[in-house]
Amino acid sequence: MKKLFLLFTTLSIGIFLFGCSDNNQVENKNEDPNINENSIEEIDIEAVNEKSASAKRPPDLSLVGVGDPNTSVSSKINSYCWNESNCTLTPKKPQDLLIDTRDYPVAPGQKLSFIVSATAYQALIFPDSLKVTQIHKDTETEIEVTNKVITVPTEKGIYYYHVNAKWEGEIKGEAYYAFFLRVK
């Protein structure tokens, strides 16, 4: 009786596992044979430029750590003129503008890359030029920007930055941004 029960159970499990399968392979068929699921949609540069030209203000400018995406530094827009050829701006000192803003801790000598981001009211075009001034202990120093990257000082302390961004192509404009870092 035990042998018969064991045989019946084994056959039932076998039929259940293998007997219900129809062994048909499911094919992944695209409705449109011209669509490649591995392709990346191309960005319409003209549409981006057109939207940026109608933007009300310049994009937000931030920094991210090169090789360290966890490091992100936001800037605060100081003053700007947009879609104008002749700008005359008098920005506030970063120390005055950033009084209620948190500092961003960074490693000594860390490299930070500028990025732009935008909303419906902002452009998404990177500036044609960036002039970066570092302020530390009341001393102002122009910082070199190479391929949109700056290098943080190696000396510990608080460093304020003033960034002058200019757009001189189809879009004409100028903006001043400010941020500050704490080198740990």
C-alpha atoms as a PDB file:
ATOM      1  CA  MET A   1       0.000   0.000   0.000  1.00  0.00           C
ATOM      2  CA  LYS A   2       2.828   2.388   0.867  1.00  0.00           C
ATOM      3  CA  LYS A   3       4.516   1.572  -2.465  1.00  0.00           C
ATOM      4  CA  LEU A   4       1.317   2.296  -4.355  1.00  0.00           C
ATOM      5  CA  PHE A   5       0.828   5.600  -2.503  1.00  0.00           C
ATOM      6  CA  LEU A   6       4.452   6.597  -3.187  1.00  0.00           C
ATOM      7  CA  LEU A   7       4.109   5.694  -6.880  1.00  0.00           C
ATOM      8  CA  PHE A   8       0.812   7.620  -7.179  1.00  0.00           C
ATOM      9  CA  THR A   9       2.316  10.720  -5.451  1.00  0.00           C
ATOM     10  CA  THR A  10       5.405  10.667  -7.660  1.00  0.00           C
ATOM     11  CA  LEU A  11       3.328  10.330 -10.836  1.00  0.00           C
ATOM     12  CA  SER A  12       0.975  13.113  -9.721  1.00  0.00           C
ATOM     13  CA  ILE A  13       3.861  15.482  -9.055  1.00  0.00           C
ATOM     14  CA  GLY A  14       5.489  14.546 -12.374  1.00  0.00           C
ATOM     15  CA  ILE A  15       2.274  15.146 -14.320  1.00  0.00           C
ATOM     16  CA  PHE A  16       1.687  18.394 -12.469  1.00  0.00           C
ATOM     17  CA  LEU A  17       5.208  19.724 -13.155  1.00  0.00           C
ATOM     18  CA  PHE A  18       5.738  18.475 -16.712  1.00  0.00           C
ATOM     19  CA  GLY A  19       2.337  17.459 -18.081  1.00  0.00           C
ATOM     20  CA  CYS A  20       0.770  20.934 -17.929  1.00  0.00           C
ATOM     21  CA  SER A  21       3.570  22.574 -19.859  1.00  0.00           C
ATOM     22  CA  ASP A  22       2.967  23.018 -23.590  1.00  0.00           C
ATOM     23  CA  ASN A  23       6.689  23.579 -24.278  1.00  0.00           C
ATOM     24  CA  ASN A  24       5.934  26.537 -26.531  1.00  0.00           C
ATOM     25  CA  GLN A  25       8.557  29.223 -26.485  1.00  0.00           C
ATOM     26  CA  VAL A  26       7.243  32.733 -25.981  1.00  0.00           C
ATOM     27  CA  GLU A  27       8.742  35.082 -28.519  1.00  0.00           C
ATOM     28  CA  ASN A  28       9.377  38.737 -27.798  1.00  0.00           C
ATOM     29  CA  LYS A  29       7.711  40.387 -30.762  1.00  0.00           C
ATOM     30  CA  ASN A  30       7.678  44.134 -31.175  1.00  0.00           C
ATOM     31  CA  GLU A  31       4.572  45.567 -32.774  1.00  0.00           C
ATOM     32  CA  ASP A  32       6.816  47.856 -34.845  1.00  0.00           C
ATOM     33  CA  PRO A  33       9.776  45.986 -36.373  1.00  0.00           C
ATOM     34  CA  ASN A  34      11.678  49.296 -36.733  1.00  0.00           C
ATOM     35  CA  ILE A  35      11.854  49.803 -32.962  1.00  0.00           C
ATOM     36  CA  ASN A  36      14.970  48.519 -31.275  1.00  0.00           C
ATOM     37  CA  GLU A  37      14.428  48.267 -27.545  1.00  0.00           C
ATOM     38  CA  ASN A  38      18.137  48.926 -26.970  1.00  0.00           C
ATOM     39  CA  SER A  39      18.125  52.220 -28.892  1.00  0.00           C
ATOM     40  CA  ILE A  40      18.109  55.544 -27.095  1.00  0.00           C
ATOM     41  CA  GLU A  41      15.771  58.250 -28.261  1.00  0.00           C
ATOM     42  CA  GLU A  42      17.717  61.116 -29.786  1.00  0.00           C
ATOM     43  CA  ILE A  43      17.311  64.566 -28.279  1.00  0.00           C
ATOM     44  CA  ASP A  44      15.850  67.215 -30.576  1.00  0.00           C
ATOM     45  CA  ILE A  45      18.490  69.943 -30.111  1.00  0.00           C
ATOM     46  CA  GLU A  46      16.483  72.513 -32.071  1.00  0.00           C
ATOM     47  CA  ALA A  47      13.474  72.000 -29.801  1.00  0.00           C
ATOM     48  CA  VAL A  48      15.686  72.393 -26.721  1.00  0.00           C
ATOM     49  CA  ASN A  49      17.209  75.609 -28.129  1.00  0.00           C
ATOM     50  CA  GLU A  50      13.767  76.970 -29.008  1.00  0.00           C
ATOM     51  CA  LYS A  51      12.452  76.224 -25.518  1.00  0.00           C
ATOM     52  CA  SER A  52      15.575  77.716 -23.951  1.00  0.00           C
ATOM     53  CA  ALA A  53      15.258  80.884 -26.038  1.00  0.00           C
ATOM     54  CA  SER A  54      11.735  81.421 -24.690  1.00  0.00           C
ATOM     55  CA  ALA A  55      12.808  80.711 -21.112  1.00  0.00           C
ATOM     56  CA  LYS A  56      12.208  83.412 -18.524  1.00  0.00           C
ATOM     57  CA  ARG A  57      15.514  82.972 -16.705  1.00  0.00           C
ATOM     58  CA  PRO A  58      18.854  81.123 -16.819  1.00  0.00           C
ATOM     59  CA  PRO A  59      19.166  77.505 -15.676  1.00  0.00           C
ATOM     60  CA  ASP A  60      20.076  76.420 -12.181  1.00  0.00           C
ATOM     61  CA  LEU A  61      23.798  75.787 -11.823  1.00  0.00           C
ATOM     62  CA  SER A  62      25.054  73.063  -9.487  1.00  0.00           C
ATOM     63  CA  LEU A  63      28.210  71.076  -8.923  1.00  0.00           C
ATOM     64  CA  VAL A  64      28.669  67.333  -8.575  1.00  0.00           C
ATOM     65  CA  GLY A  65      31.694  65.404  -7.429  1.00  0.00           C
ATOM     66  CA  VAL A  66      33.781  63.978 -10.256  1.00  0.00           C
ATOM     67  CA  GLY A  67      33.780  60.233  -9.607  1.00  0.00           C
ATOM     68  CA  ASP A  68      31.649  60.803  -6.499  1.00  0.00           C
ATOM     69  CA  PRO A  69      27.969  61.274  -7.407  1.00  0.00           C
ATOM     70  CA  ASN A  70      27.072  61.533  -3.716  1.00  0.00           C
ATOM     71  CA  THR A  71      28.705  64.966  -3.549  1.00  0.00           C
ATOM     72  CA  SER A  72      26.274  67.581  -4.813  1.00  0.00           C
ATOM     73  CA  VAL A  73      26.488  71.336  -4.278  1.00  0.00           C
ATOM     74  CA  SER A  74      23.608  73.678  -5.088  1.00  0.00           C
ATOM     75  CA  SER A  75      24.179  77.297  -5.938  1.00  0.00           C
ATOM     76  CA  LYS A  76      21.918  80.268  -5.421  1.00  0.00           C
ATOM     77  CA  ILE A  77      21.242  82.597  -8.316  1.00  0.00           C
ATOM     78  CA  ASN A  78      22.400  86.069  -7.351  1.00  0.00           C
ATOM     79  CA  SER A  79      21.353  88.301 -10.236  1.00  0.00           C
ATOM     80  CA  TYR A  80      20.775  87.880 -13.941  1.00  0.00           C
ATOM     81  CA  CYS A  81      19.584  89.385 -17.182  1.00  0.00           C
ATOM     82  CA  TRP A  82      18.139  87.071 -19.796  1.00  0.00           C
ATOM     83  CA  ASN A  83      17.564  87.373 -23.542  1.00  0.00           C
ATOM     84  CA  GLU A  84      19.328  90.740 -23.488  1.00  0.00           C
ATOM     85  CA  SER A  85      22.523  91.741 -25.277  1.00  0.00           C
ATOM     86  CA  ASN A  86      23.683  94.471 -22.916  1.00  0.00           C
ATOM     87  CA  CYS A  87      23.642  93.398 -19.305  1.00  0.00           C
ATOM     88  CA  THR A  88      24.686  95.583 -16.429  1.00  0.00           C
ATOM     89  CA  LEU A  89      24.612  93.588 -13.223  1.00  0.00           C
ATOM     90  CA  THR A  90      25.749  94.404  -9.724  1.00  0.00           C
ATOM     91  CA  PRO A  91      25.669  91.163  -7.749  1.00  0.00           C
ATOM     92  CA  LYS A  92      25.679  90.904  -3.960  1.00  0.00           C
ATOM     93  CA  LYS A  93      28.675  89.437  -2.166  1.00  0.00           C
ATOM     94  CA  PRO A  94      28.285  85.652  -1.765  1.00  0.00           C
ATOM     95  CA  GLN A  95      28.823  85.999   1.996  1.00  0.00           C
ATOM     96  CA  ASP A  96      25.763  88.296   2.217  1.00  0.00           C
ATOM     97  CA  LEU A  97      23.589  86.273  -0.160  1.00  0.00           C
ATOM     98  CA  LEU A  98      24.273  82.921   1.498  1.00  0.00           C
ATOM     99  CA  ILE A  99      23.726  83.911   5.132  1.00  0.00           C
ATOM    100  CA  ASP A 100      20.867  81.403   5.654  1.00  0.00           C
ATOM    101  CA  THR A 101      22.253  78.702   3.368  1.00  0.00           C
ATOM    102  CA  ARG A 102      23.973  75.541   4.518  1.00  0.00           C
ATOM    103  CA  ASP A 103      27.553  74.828   3.587  1.00  0.00           C
ATOM    104  CA  TYR A 104      28.555  71.701   1.702  1.00  0.00           C
ATOM    105  CA  PRO A 105      31.335  69.560   3.162  1.00  0.00           C
ATOM    106  CA  VAL A 106      33.868  68.383   0.575  1.00  0.00           C
ATOM    107  CA  ALA A 107      37.183  66.564   0.658  1.00  0.00           C
ATOM    108  CA  PRO A 108      40.424  68.524   0.223  1.00  0.00           C
ATOM    109  CA  GLY A 109      41.492  68.652  -3.430  1.00  0.00           C
ATOM    110  CA  GLN A 110      38.191  67.168  -4.641  1.00  0.00           C
ATOM    111  CA  LYS A 111      37.165  67.886  -8.227  1.00  0.00           C
ATOM    112  CA  LEU A 112      33.668  69.280  -8.821  1.00  0.00           C
ATOM    113  CA  SER A 113      31.927  69.522 -12.189  1.00  0.00           C
ATOM    114  CA  PHE A 114      29.374  72.195 -13.102  1.00  0.00           C
ATOM    115  CA  ILE A 115      25.987  70.984 -14.378  1.00  0.00           C
ATOM    116  CA  VAL A 116      22.831  72.823 -15.406  1.00  0.00           C
ATOM    117  CA  SER A 117      19.231  71.880 -14.753  1.00  0.00           C
ATOM    118  CA  ALA A 118      16.032  73.631 -15.678  1.00  0.00           C
ATOM    119  CA  THR A 119      12.283  73.804 -15.249  1.00  0.00           C
ATOM    120  CA  ALA A 120       9.691  74.958 -17.762  1.00  0.00           C
ATOM    121  CA  TYR A 121      10.653  78.576 -17.052  1.00  0.00           C
ATOM    122  CA  GLN A 122      14.405  78.109 -17.390  1.00  0.00           C
ATOM    123  CA  ALA A 123      16.857  77.407 -20.175  1.00  0.00           C
ATOM    124  CA  LEU A 124      18.785  74.165 -20.397  1.00  0.00           C
ATOM    125  CA  ILE A 125      21.834  75.425 -22.241  1.00  0.00           C
ATOM    126  CA  PHE A 126      25.229  75.416 -20.575  1.00  0.00           C
ATOM    127  CA  PRO A 127      26.830  78.879 -20.465  1.00  0.00           C
ATOM    128  CA  ASP A 128      29.429  79.764 -23.087  1.00  0.00           C
ATOM    129  CA  SER A 129      31.801  80.984 -20.390  1.00  0.00           C
ATOM    130  CA  LEU A 130      32.245  80.649 -16.639  1.00  0.00           C
ATOM    131  CA  LYS A 131      34.378  82.914 -14.496  1.00  0.00           C
ATOM    132  CA  VAL A 132      34.767  81.583 -10.952  1.00  0.00           C
ATOM    133  CA  THR A 133      36.052  83.663  -8.051  1.00  0.00           C
ATOM    134  CA  GLN A 134      36.932  81.993  -4.748  1.00  0.00           C
ATOM    135  CA  ILE A 135      36.771  84.023  -1.528  1.00  0.00           C
ATOM    136  CA  HIS A 136      38.625  82.767   1.544  1.00  0.00           C
ATOM    137  CA  LYS A 137      39.487  84.930   4.545  1.00  0.00           C
ATOM    138  CA  ASP A 138      38.633  88.109   2.573  1.00  0.00           C
ATOM    139  CA  THR A 139      41.041  87.166  -0.238  1.00  0.00           C
ATOM    140  CA  GLU A 140      39.556  86.827  -3.727  1.00  0.00           C
ATOM    141  CA  THR A 141      41.202  84.480  -6.223  1.00  0.00           C
ATOM    142  CA  GLU A 142      40.072  83.655  -9.749  1.00  0.00           C
ATOM    143  CA  ILE A 143      39.807  79.874 -10.105  1.00  0.00           C
ATOM    144  CA  GLU A 144      40.589  78.003 -13.307  1.00  0.00           C
ATOM    145  CA  VAL A 145      37.694  76.076 -14.861  1.00  0.00           C
ATOM    146  CA  THR A 146      38.822  73.219 -17.113  1.00  0.00           C
ATOM    147  CA  ASN A 147      36.165  71.220 -18.977  1.00  0.00           C
ATOM    148  CA  LYS A 148      33.502  72.511 -16.562  1.00  0.00           C
ATOM    149  CA  VAL A 149      35.551  71.247 -13.573  1.00  0.00           C
ATOM    150  CA  ILE A 150      37.096  73.097 -10.620  1.00  0.00           C
ATOM    151  CA  THR A 151      39.387  71.721  -7.940  1.00  0.00           C
ATOM    152  CA  VAL A 152      38.629  72.383  -4.277  1.00  0.00           C
ATOM    153  CA  PRO A 153      41.500  73.760  -2.156  1.00  0.00           C
ATOM    154  CA  THR A 154      43.491  71.389   0.039  1.00  0.00           C
ATOM    155  CA  GLU A 155      43.479  73.704   3.070  1.00  0.00           C
ATOM    156  CA  LYS A 156      40.586  73.220   5.502  1.00  0.00           C
ATOM    157  CA  GLY A 157      38.103  76.041   5.889  1.00  0.00           C
ATOM    158  CA  ILE A 158      35.063  77.828   4.483  1.00  0.00           C
ATOM    159  CA  TYR A 159      35.292  78.969   0.857  1.00  0.00           C
ATOM    160  CA  TYR A 160      32.746  81.188  -0.869  1.00  0.00           C
ATOM    161  CA  TYR A 161      32.399  81.145  -4.638  1.00  0.00           C
ATOM    162  CA  HIS A 162      31.039  83.699  -7.055  1.00  0.00           C
ATOM    163  CA  VAL A 163      30.315  82.383 -10.556  1.00  0.00           C
ATOM    164  CA  ASN A 164      29.744  84.677 -13.538  1.00  0.00           C
ATOM    165  CA  ALA A 165      28.063  82.738 -16.367  1.00  0.00           C
ATOM    166  CA  LYS A 166      27.571  84.179 -19.855  1.00  0.00           C
ATOM    167  CA  TRP A 167      25.535  83.019 -22.832  1.00  0.00           C
ATOM    168  CA  GLU A 168      26.727  84.625 -26.056  1.00  0.00           C
ATOM    169  CA  GLY A 169      25.227  82.414 -28.785  1.00  0.00           C
ATOM    170  CA  GLU A 170      21.609  82.387 -29.947  1.00  0.00           C
ATOM    171  CA  ILE A 171      20.649  83.033 -26.351  1.00  0.00           C
ATOM    172  CA  LYS A 172      22.085  86.182 -24.835  1.00  0.00           C
ATOM    173  CA  GLY A 173      22.302  86.484 -21.100  1.00  0.00           C
ATOM    174  CA  GLU A 174      24.394  86.692 -18.005  1.00  0.00           C
ATOM    175  CA  ALA A 175      23.961  85.401 -14.475  1.00  0.00           C
ATOM    176  CA  TYR A 176      25.804  85.422 -11.183  1.00  0.00           C
ATOM    177  CA  TYR A 177      25.585  82.405  -8.918  1.00  0.00           C
ATOM    178  CA  ALA A 178      26.949  81.887  -5.416  1.00  0.00           C
ATOM    179  CA  PHE A 179      27.740  78.844  -3.264  1.00  0.00           C
ATOM    180  CA  PHE A 180      30.050  77.944  -0.455  1.00  0.00           C
ATOM    181  CA  LEU A 181      31.969  74.878   0.627  1.00  0.00           C
ATOM    182  CA  ARG A 182      33.510  73.622   3.810  1.00  0.00           C
ATOM    183  CA  VAL A 183      36.737  71.755   3.110  1.00  0.00           C
ATOM    184  CA  LYS A 184      36.978  69.083   5.818  1.00  0.00           C
END
